[in-house]
Each structure stands twice: as C-alpha cells, then as structure tokens.
Amino acid sequence: MVKRNQEIGLIGENQAVIYLEKLGYRIIQRNYRFSHGEIDVIAVKENILVFVEVKTRRNDNYGDIKYAIDPKKQKQIRKIAESFIFEFADKLTFEEIRFDSILVMYENNLHHIEHLENAF
C-alpha cells in the first residue's frame, strides 16, 4: 500500500510541475530534503520564490484534501525553506517568498488540480 501511495504522490507531483510550467513558473528544484522533511517543488515566477507542497489523493476518505497540510507540516516546510534559502542565497534572485499548495485529485487516470497561492 505504501508503494502505491508513493506512486500516486509522484503522479501528483509530476502533474503539479507540468501545471506550474504551463503558467510560466521556472522549476528550481524538486524534493529538496533537509533534516527529516522535504519540500516537493521549489519554483520562481516574477521574482517570487515559491515553495510548493503537493498533496495527491484518490478519494476523500481521509477528509477534505484542503486540510491535509496541518500547522505542524506548515512549520516544518517553513524551516526547510529557511535552509534552502540559506544554502542557495548566493545563487538566487527573488524579492518575495510564498508558500503554495497544489492539491491533485487523481481518479480513473483523470487529474483535477487546485492551486492555492499563499496557502500558509
């Protein structure tokens, strides 16, 4: 089951990247790891550095996908983002930082994407 969930997660991340690129985002990095966590996608658009958490579900058995990123996860993502900025500050140009969520519902090989800018 875990492997199946990881596969679904990867499908969702791939769809999120395609979606972002179509909107003009430049993907800097995927799956940036620090300590015990990761940020799914890091992108830049119009001098905004965007950290994106992608959540993919096949159904809503575990509740509304919009609530899948709880305050503890948000705090973890912020800490990882700080690490990324510290590590790559000399290689990046941005004026603003934003935290987005991309929610992907994946059923019967169909994808529905919802992009929440400034999600947290």
Protein backbone atom coordinates (compact mmCIF):
# COMPACT_ATOMS: atom_id res chain seq x y z
CA MET A 1 0.00 0.00 0.00
CA VAL A 2 2.82 2.43 0.84
CA LYS A 3 4.42 1.93 -2.56
CA ARG A 4 1.08 2.54 -4.24
CA ASN A 5 0.66 5.77 -2.26
CA GLN A 6 4.19 6.84 -3.24
CA GLU A 7 3.36 6.17 -6.89
CA ILE A 8 0.19 8.25 -6.64
CA GLY A 9 2.19 11.00 -4.92
CA LEU A 10 4.75 11.01 -7.74
CA ILE A 11 1.99 11.23 -10.33
CA GLY A 12 0.56 14.22 -8.48
CA GLU A 13 3.94 15.94 -8.24
CA ASN A 14 4.58 15.40 -11.95
CA GLN A 15 1.17 16.86 -12.79
CA ALA A 16 1.84 19.83 -10.49
CA VAL A 17 5.16 20.55 -12.22
CA ILE A 18 3.56 20.40 -15.67
CA TYR A 19 0.80 22.72 -14.44
CA LEU A 20 3.27 25.22 -12.96
CA GLU A 21 5.46 25.25 -16.05
CA LYS A 22 2.42 25.99 -18.23
CA LEU A 23 1.75 29.01 -16.00
CA GLY A 24 5.29 30.29 -16.52
CA TYR A 25 6.95 29.08 -13.33
CA ARG A 26 10.59 28.04 -13.58
CA ILE A 27 11.19 24.92 -11.53
CA ILE A 28 14.38 25.25 -9.49
CA GLN A 29 14.28 22.01 -7.57
CA ARG A 30 12.08 19.06 -6.73
CA ASN A 31 12.09 17.10 -3.50
CA TYR A 32 14.53 19.33 -1.61
CA ARG A 33 15.43 17.43 1.54
CA PHE A 34 16.64 18.83 4.83
CA SER A 35 16.73 17.02 8.15
CA HIS A 36 13.55 14.94 8.41
CA GLY A 37 11.48 16.55 5.71
CA GLU A 38 11.25 17.82 2.18
CA ILE A 39 9.64 20.43 0.00
CA ASP A 40 8.02 18.94 -3.07
CA VAL A 41 8.63 21.75 -5.57
CA ILE A 42 10.58 24.99 -5.46
CA ALA A 43 9.92 27.42 -8.28
CA VAL A 44 10.33 31.05 -9.30
CA LYS A 45 7.89 33.30 -11.09
CA GLU A 46 8.12 37.08 -11.45
CA ASN A 47 10.83 37.39 -8.75
CA ILE A 48 8.77 35.36 -6.28
CA LEU A 49 10.39 32.29 -4.77
CA VAL A 50 7.58 29.76 -4.33
CA PHE A 51 7.72 26.72 -2.08
CA VAL A 52 5.02 24.26 -3.12
CA GLU A 53 3.58 21.41 -1.11
CA VAL A 54 1.75 18.93 -3.34
CA LYS A 55 -0.96 16.68 -1.95
CA THR A 56 -2.45 13.95 -4.09
CA ARG A 57 -5.44 11.84 -3.23
CA ARG A 58 -7.54 9.24 -4.99
CA ASN A 59 -10.63 9.98 -2.91
CA ASP A 60 -11.72 11.96 0.12
CA ASN A 61 -11.87 9.05 2.57
CA TYR A 62 -9.41 10.88 4.82
CA GLY A 63 -11.28 14.18 4.70
CA ASP A 64 -11.05 17.24 2.51
CA ILE A 65 -7.65 17.43 0.83
CA LYS A 66 -7.52 21.17 1.58
CA TYR A 67 -6.87 20.33 5.23
CA ALA A 68 -4.09 17.81 4.60
CA ILE A 69 -1.33 20.33 5.38
CA ASP A 70 -1.73 20.88 9.10
CA PRO A 71 0.06 23.56 11.18
CA LYS A 72 2.83 21.14 12.17
CA LYS A 73 3.57 20.37 8.49
CA GLN A 74 3.45 24.09 7.65
CA LYS A 75 6.03 24.82 10.35
CA GLN A 76 8.26 22.04 9.03
CA ILE A 77 8.02 23.38 5.47
CA ARG A 78 8.97 26.88 6.66
CA LYS A 79 12.06 25.51 8.42
CA ILE A 80 13.11 23.58 5.33
CA ALA A 81 12.54 26.70 3.20
CA GLU A 82 14.85 28.67 5.50
CA SER A 83 17.51 26.02 4.99
CA PHE A 84 17.10 26.18 1.22
CA ILE A 85 17.41 29.97 1.20
CA PHE A 86 20.49 29.83 3.41
CA GLU A 87 22.10 27.17 1.21
CA PHE A 88 21.36 28.84 -2.13
CA ALA A 89 21.09 32.55 -1.26
CA ASP A 90 24.10 33.48 -3.39
CA LYS A 91 22.59 31.73 -6.44
CA LEU A 92 19.03 33.07 -6.20
CA THR A 93 17.40 36.35 -7.11
CA PHE A 94 13.96 36.99 -5.64
CA GLU A 95 12.04 39.78 -3.99
CA GLU A 96 9.37 37.81 -2.23
CA ILE A 97 8.68 34.35 -0.80
CA ARG A 98 5.40 32.49 -1.00
CA PHE A 99 4.09 29.14 0.22
CA ASP A 100 1.58 27.46 -2.10
CA SER A 101 -0.30 24.18 -2.07
CA ILE A 102 -1.26 22.22 -5.11
CA LEU A 103 -3.98 19.70 -4.50
CA VAL A 104 -4.37 16.90 -7.01
CA MET A 105 -7.35 14.58 -7.06
CA TYR A 106 -6.40 11.54 -9.13
CA GLU A 107 -9.19 9.18 -10.10
CA ASN A 108 -9.51 6.85 -13.10
CA ASN A 109 -6.40 8.38 -14.69
CA LEU A 110 -8.00 11.85 -14.56
CA HIS A 111 -6.46 14.73 -12.66
CA HIS A 112 -8.16 17.69 -11.07
CA ILE A 113 -5.70 20.34 -9.88
CA GLU A 114 -6.41 23.10 -7.40
CA HIS A 115 -3.67 25.68 -6.82
CA LEU A 116 -3.82 27.60 -3.55
CA GLU A 117 -1.46 30.57 -3.65
CA ASN A 118 -0.31 31.87 -0.25
CA ALA A 119 -1.81 28.76 1.29
CA PHE A 120 0.00 29.28 4.58
